[in-house]
Amino acid sequence: NVAPDMSYWDGIIGCGLEGHPVTSLS
């Protein structure tokens, strides 16, 4: 994740890991 629109992670439970946030270089 360099500078993506982070709102798109709201549509999934990323990697099936509930409660684990995501981040980016931006």
PDB file of all heavy atoms in Angstrom:
ATOM      1  N   ASN A   1       0.833  -1.198   0.000  1.00  0.00           N
ATOM      2  CA  ASN A   1       0.000   0.000   0.000  1.00  0.00           C
ATOM      3  C   ASN A   1       0.872   1.254   0.000  1.00  0.00           C
ATOM      4  O   ASN A   1       1.503   1.578   1.003  1.00  0.00           O
ATOM      5  CB  ASN A   1      -0.911   0.017   1.231  1.00  0.00           C
ATOM      6  CG  ASN A   1      -1.823  -1.192   1.280  1.00  0.00           C
ATOM      7  OD1 ASN A   1      -2.192  -1.744   0.242  1.00  0.00           O
ATOM      8  ND2 ASN A   1      -2.174  -1.625   2.478  1.00  0.00           N
ATOM      9  N   VAL A   2       0.899   1.927  -1.126  1.00  0.00           N
ATOM     10  CA  VAL A   2       1.668   3.166  -1.256  1.00  0.00           C
ATOM     11  C   VAL A   2       0.758   4.354  -0.950  1.00  0.00           C
ATOM     12  O   VAL A   2       0.915   5.017   0.079  1.00  0.00           O
ATOM     13  CB  VAL A   2       2.298   3.281  -2.654  1.00  0.00           C
ATOM     14  CG1 VAL A   2       3.091   4.582  -2.782  1.00  0.00           C
ATOM     15  CG2 VAL A   2       3.207   2.082  -2.938  1.00  0.00           C
ATOM     16  N   ALA A   3      -0.209   4.611  -1.830  1.00  0.00           N
ATOM     17  CA  ALA A   3      -1.155   5.705  -1.590  1.00  0.00           C
ATOM     18  C   ALA A   3      -2.522   5.364  -2.168  1.00  0.00           C
ATOM     19  O   ALA A   3      -3.083   6.122  -2.964  1.00  0.00           O
ATOM     20  CB  ALA A   3      -0.623   7.001  -2.190  1.00  0.00           C
ATOM     21  N   PRO A   4      -3.101   4.204  -1.783  1.00  0.00           N
ATOM     22  CA  PRO A   4      -4.415   3.829  -2.294  1.00  0.00           C
ATOM     23  C   PRO A   4      -5.530   4.539  -1.533  1.00  0.00           C
ATOM     24  O   PRO A   4      -5.292   5.155  -0.485  1.00  0.00           O
ATOM     25  CB  PRO A   4      -4.467   2.318  -2.033  1.00  0.00           C
ATOM     26  CG  PRO A   4      -3.655   2.155  -0.786  1.00  0.00           C
ATOM     27  CD  PRO A   4      -2.553   3.181  -0.875  1.00  0.00           C
ATOM     28  N   ASP A   5      -6.745   4.455  -2.051  1.00  0.00           N
ATOM     29  CA  ASP A   5      -7.932   4.940  -1.347  1.00  0.00           C
ATOM     30  C   ASP A   5      -8.271   3.908  -0.266  1.00  0.00           C
ATOM     31  O   ASP A   5      -8.793   2.839  -0.555  1.00  0.00           O
ATOM     32  CB  ASP A   5      -9.088   5.097  -2.335  1.00  0.00           C
ATOM     33  CG  ASP A   5     -10.353   5.658  -1.690  1.00  0.00           C
ATOM     34  OD1 ASP A   5     -10.464   5.636  -0.444  1.00  0.00           O
ATOM     35  OD2 ASP A   5     -11.248   6.083  -2.443  1.00  0.00           O
ATOM     36  N   MET A   6      -7.979   4.233   0.983  1.00  0.00           N
ATOM     37  CA  MET A   6      -8.111   3.265   2.063  1.00  0.00           C
ATOM     38  C   MET A   6      -9.565   2.925   2.386  1.00  0.00           C
ATOM     39  O   MET A   6      -9.828   1.948   3.091  1.00  0.00           O
ATOM     40  CB  MET A   6      -7.405   3.789   3.314  1.00  0.00           C
ATOM     41  CG  MET A   6      -5.926   4.104   3.124  1.00  0.00           C
ATOM     42  SD  MET A   6      -4.935   2.682   2.625  1.00  0.00           S
ATOM     43  CE  MET A   6      -4.910   1.729   4.131  1.00  0.00           C
ATOM     44  N   SER A   7     -10.505   3.688   1.869  1.00  0.00           N
ATOM     45  CA  SER A   7     -11.917   3.403   2.165  1.00  0.00           C
ATOM     46  C   SER A   7     -12.358   2.069   1.564  1.00  0.00           C
ATOM     47  O   SER A   7     -13.360   1.500   2.007  1.00  0.00           O
ATOM     48  CB  SER A   7     -12.809   4.529   1.648  1.00  0.00           C
ATOM     49  OG  SER A   7     -12.857   4.558   0.232  1.00  0.00           O
ATOM     50  N   TYR A   8     -11.619   1.564   0.578  1.00  0.00           N
ATOM     51  CA  TYR A   8     -12.040   0.307  -0.048  1.00  0.00           C
ATOM     52  C   TYR A   8     -11.849  -0.898   0.874  1.00  0.00           C
ATOM     53  O   TYR A   8     -12.438  -1.954   0.641  1.00  0.00           O
ATOM     54  CB  TYR A   8     -11.299   0.104  -1.374  1.00  0.00           C
ATOM     55  CG  TYR A   8     -11.931   0.897  -2.494  1.00  0.00           C
ATOM     56  CD1 TYR A   8     -11.596   2.228  -2.699  1.00  0.00           C
ATOM     57  CD2 TYR A   8     -12.898   0.329  -3.328  1.00  0.00           C
ATOM     58  CE1 TYR A   8     -12.194   2.979  -3.702  1.00  0.00           C
ATOM     59  CE2 TYR A   8     -13.487   1.060  -4.339  1.00  0.00           C
ATOM     60  CZ  TYR A   8     -13.141   2.384  -4.522  1.00  0.00           C
ATOM     61  OH  TYR A   8     -13.752   3.118  -5.517  1.00  0.00           O
ATOM     62  N   TRP A   9     -11.049  -0.747   1.915  1.00  0.00           N
ATOM     63  CA  TRP A   9     -10.946  -1.846   2.881  1.00  0.00           C
ATOM     64  C   TRP A   9     -12.194  -1.949   3.755  1.00  0.00           C
ATOM     65  O   TRP A   9     -12.387  -2.954   4.426  1.00  0.00           O
ATOM     66  CB  TRP A   9      -9.695  -1.681   3.740  1.00  0.00           C
ATOM     67  CG  TRP A   9      -8.487  -2.313   3.116  1.00  0.00           C
ATOM     68  CD1 TRP A   9      -8.046  -3.593   3.268  1.00  0.00           C
ATOM     69  CD2 TRP A   9      -7.557  -1.692   2.220  1.00  0.00           C
ATOM     70  NE1 TRP A   9      -6.908  -3.809   2.535  1.00  0.00           N
ATOM     71  CE2 TRP A   9      -6.585  -2.657   1.882  1.00  0.00           C
ATOM     72  CE3 TRP A   9      -7.453  -0.406   1.688  1.00  0.00           C
ATOM     73  CZ2 TRP A   9      -5.522  -2.381   1.019  1.00  0.00           C
ATOM     74  CZ3 TRP A   9      -6.397  -0.140   0.826  1.00  0.00           C
ATOM     75  CH2 TRP A   9      -5.448  -1.115   0.505  1.00  0.00           C
ATOM     76  N   ASP A  10     -13.053  -0.928   3.726  1.00  0.00           N
ATOM     77  CA  ASP A  10     -14.308  -1.008   4.474  1.00  0.00           C
ATOM     78  C   ASP A  10     -15.225  -2.079   3.897  1.00  0.00           C
ATOM     79  O   ASP A  10     -16.127  -2.557   4.589  1.00  0.00           O
ATOM     80  CB  ASP A  10     -15.040   0.344   4.443  1.00  0.00           C
ATOM     81  CG  ASP A  10     -14.281   1.437   5.168  1.00  0.00           C
ATOM     82  OD1 ASP A  10     -13.390   1.105   5.985  1.00  0.00           O
ATOM     83  OD2 ASP A  10     -14.565   2.629   4.912  1.00  0.00           O
ATOM     84  N   GLY A  11     -14.994  -2.453   2.642  1.00  0.00           N
ATOM     85  CA  GLY A  11     -15.861  -3.424   1.989  1.00  0.00           C
ATOM     86  C   GLY A  11     -15.519  -4.863   2.256  1.00  0.00           C
ATOM     87  O   GLY A  11     -16.240  -5.774   1.811  1.00  0.00           O
ATOM     88  N   ILE A  12     -14.422  -5.136   2.967  1.00  0.00           N
ATOM     89  CA  ILE A  12     -13.998  -6.511   3.239  1.00  0.00           C
ATOM     90  C   ILE A  12     -13.465  -6.629   4.660  1.00  0.00           C
ATOM     91  O   ILE A  12     -13.141  -5.631   5.297  1.00  0.00           O
ATOM     92  CB  ILE A  12     -12.892  -6.980   2.258  1.00  0.00           C
ATOM     93  CG1 ILE A  12     -11.664  -6.045   2.338  1.00  0.00           C
ATOM     94  CG2 ILE A  12     -13.418  -7.102   0.838  1.00  0.00           C
ATOM     95  CD1 ILE A  12     -10.459  -6.516   1.548  1.00  0.00           C
ATOM     96  N   ILE A  13     -13.399  -7.864   5.119  1.00  0.00           N
ATOM     97  CA  ILE A  13     -12.586  -8.187   6.293  1.00  0.00           C
ATOM     98  C   ILE A  13     -11.262  -8.700   5.727  1.00  0.00           C
ATOM     99  O   ILE A  13     -11.146  -9.860   5.339  1.00  0.00           O
ATOM    100  CB  ILE A  13     -13.262  -9.234   7.191  1.00  0.00           C
ATOM    101  CG1 ILE A  13     -14.630  -8.736   7.659  1.00  0.00           C
ATOM    102  CG2 ILE A  13     -12.376  -9.572   8.393  1.00  0.00           C
ATOM    103  CD1 ILE A  13     -15.435  -9.760   8.426  1.00  0.00           C
ATOM    104  N   GLY A  14     -10.305  -7.796   5.585  1.00  0.00           N
ATOM    105  CA  GLY A  14      -9.071  -8.100   4.867  1.00  0.00           C
ATOM    106  C   GLY A  14      -8.371  -9.340   5.392  1.00  0.00           C
ATOM    107  O   GLY A  14      -8.085  -9.441   6.585  1.00  0.00           O
ATOM    108  N   CYS A  15      -8.106 -10.281   4.457  1.00  0.00           N
ATOM    109  CA  CYS A  15      -7.423 -11.547   4.789  1.00  0.00           C
ATOM    110  C   CYS A  15      -8.185 -12.347   5.840  1.00  0.00           C
ATOM    111  O   CYS A  15      -7.630 -13.255   6.466  1.00  0.00           O
ATOM    112  CB  CYS A  15      -5.991 -11.294   5.248  1.00  0.00           C
ATOM    113  SG  CYS A  15      -4.991 -10.452   4.007  1.00  0.00           S
ATOM    114  N   GLY A  16      -9.464 -11.982   6.063  1.00  0.00           N
ATOM    115  CA  GLY A  16     -10.272 -12.676   7.059  1.00  0.00           C
ATOM    116  C   GLY A  16      -9.881 -12.362   8.480  1.00  0.00           C
ATOM    117  O   GLY A  16     -10.272 -13.082   9.410  1.00  0.00           O
ATOM    118  N   LEU A  17      -9.126 -11.278   8.689  1.00  0.00           N
ATOM    119  CA  LEU A  17      -8.613 -10.932  10.016  1.00  0.00           C
ATOM    120  C   LEU A  17      -9.421  -9.775  10.590  1.00  0.00           C
ATOM    121  O   LEU A  17      -9.139  -8.602  10.298  1.00  0.00           O
ATOM    122  CB  LEU A  17      -7.128 -10.561   9.933  1.00  0.00           C
ATOM    123  CG  LEU A  17      -6.191 -11.656   9.414  1.00  0.00           C
ATOM    124  CD1 LEU A  17      -4.786 -11.107   9.233  1.00  0.00           C
ATOM    125  CD2 LEU A  17      -6.191 -12.855  10.346  1.00  0.00           C
ATOM    126  N   GLU A  18     -10.422 -10.095  11.384  1.00  0.00           N
ATOM    127  CA  GLU A  18     -11.243  -9.068  12.022  1.00  0.00           C
ATOM    128  C   GLU A  18     -10.413  -8.306  13.041  1.00  0.00           C
ATOM    129  O   GLU A  18      -9.652  -8.886  13.822  1.00  0.00           O
ATOM    130  CB  GLU A  18     -12.442  -9.720  12.717  1.00  0.00           C
ATOM    131  CG  GLU A  18     -13.456  -8.741  13.263  1.00  0.00           C
ATOM    132  CD  GLU A  18     -14.333  -8.129  12.187  1.00  0.00           C
ATOM    133  OE1 GLU A  18     -15.168  -8.858  11.610  1.00  0.00           O
ATOM    134  OE2 GLU A  18     -14.164  -6.914  11.938  1.00  0.00           O
ATOM    135  N   GLY A  19     -10.523  -6.989  13.020  1.00  0.00           N
ATOM    136  CA  GLY A  19      -9.855  -6.180  14.032  1.00  0.00           C
ATOM    137  C   GLY A  19      -8.406  -5.861  13.758  1.00  0.00           C
ATOM    138  O   GLY A  19      -7.726  -5.290  14.620  1.00  0.00           O
ATOM    139  N   HIS A  20      -7.903  -6.198  12.571  1.00  0.00           N
ATOM    140  CA  HIS A  20      -6.520  -5.867  12.216  1.00  0.00           C
ATOM    141  C   HIS A  20      -6.549  -4.719  11.215  1.00  0.00           C
ATOM    142  O   HIS A  20      -6.998  -4.880  10.084  1.00  0.00           O
ATOM    143  CB  HIS A  20      -5.802  -7.077  11.620  1.00  0.00           C
ATOM    144  CG  HIS A  20      -5.418  -8.102  12.639  1.00  0.00           C
ATOM    145  ND1 HIS A  20      -6.339  -8.957  13.200  1.00  0.00           N
ATOM    146  CD2 HIS A  20      -4.218  -8.385  13.213  1.00  0.00           C
ATOM    147  CE1 HIS A  20      -5.714  -9.748  14.070  1.00  0.00           C
ATOM    148  NE2 HIS A  20      -4.436  -9.418  14.098  1.00  0.00           N
ATOM    149  N   PRO A  21      -6.061  -3.542  11.588  1.00  0.00           N
ATOM    150  CA  PRO A  21      -6.108  -2.385  10.696  1.00  0.00           C
ATOM    151  C   PRO A  21      -5.127  -2.504   9.541  1.00  0.00           C
ATOM    152  O   PRO A  21      -4.207  -3.323   9.559  1.00  0.00           O
ATOM    153  CB  PRO A  21      -5.736  -1.226  11.619  1.00  0.00           C
ATOM    154  CG  PRO A  21      -4.873  -1.852  12.664  1.00  0.00           C
ATOM    155  CD  PRO A  21      -5.436  -3.227  12.881  1.00  0.00           C
ATOM    156  N   VAL A  22      -5.347  -1.673   8.541  1.00  0.00           N
ATOM    157  CA  VAL A  22      -4.413  -1.570   7.419  1.00  0.00           C
ATOM    158  C   VAL A  22      -3.852  -0.156   7.383  1.00  0.00           C
ATOM    159  O   VAL A  22      -4.454   0.782   7.915  1.00  0.00           O
ATOM    160  CB  VAL A  22      -5.092  -1.913   6.080  1.00  0.00           C
ATOM    161  CG1 VAL A  22      -5.447  -3.379   6.012  1.00  0.00           C
ATOM    162  CG2 VAL A  22      -6.333  -1.045   5.859  1.00  0.00           C
ATOM    163  N   THR A  23      -2.698  -0.024   6.749  1.00  0.00           N
ATOM    164  CA  THR A  23      -2.080   1.291   6.637  1.00  0.00           C
ATOM    165  C   THR A  23      -1.390   1.403   5.284  1.00  0.00           C
ATOM    166  O   THR A  23      -1.411   0.463   4.474  1.00  0.00           O
ATOM    167  CB  THR A  23      -1.095   1.545   7.798  1.00  0.00           C
ATOM    168  OG1 THR A  23      -0.733   2.928   7.811  1.00  0.00           O
ATOM    169  CG2 THR A  23       0.141   0.671   7.684  1.00  0.00           C
ATOM    170  N   SER A  24      -0.782   2.551   5.032  1.00  0.00           N
ATOM    171  CA  SER A  24      -0.120   2.811   3.761  1.00  0.00           C
ATOM    172  C   SER A  24       1.021   3.798   3.984  1.00  0.00           C
ATOM    173  O   SER A  24       1.104   4.459   5.028  1.00  0.00           O
ATOM    174  CB  SER A  24      -1.112   3.390   2.749  1.00  0.00           C
ATOM    175  OG  SER A  24      -1.554   4.677   3.185  1.00  0.00           O
ATOM    176  N   LEU A  25       1.881   3.900   2.995  1.00  0.00           N
ATOM    177  CA  LEU A  25       2.965   4.878   3.088  1.00  0.00           C
ATOM    178  C   LEU A  25       2.419   6.295   3.184  1.00  0.00           C
ATOM    179  O   LEU A  25       2.999   7.146   3.855  1.00  0.00           O
ATOM    180  CB  LEU A  25       3.889   4.739   1.880  1.00  0.00           C
ATOM    181  CG  LEU A  25       4.823   3.525   1.880  1.00  0.00           C
ATOM    182  CD1 LEU A  25       5.553   3.410   0.551  1.00  0.00           C
ATOM    183  CD2 LEU A  25       5.818   3.610   3.027  1.00  0.00           C
ATOM    184  N   SER A  26       1.300   6.568   2.514  1.00  0.00           N
ATOM    185  CA  SER A  26       0.728   7.914   2.555  1.00  0.00           C
ATOM    186  C   SER A  26       0.214   8.266   3.946  1.00  0.00           C
ATOM    187  O   SER A  26       0.137   9.450   4.292  1.00  0.00           O
ATOM    188  CB  SER A  26      -0.392   8.045   1.523  1.00  0.00           C
ATOM    189  OG  SER A  26      -1.468   7.175   1.816  1.00  0.00           O
TER     190      SER A  26
END
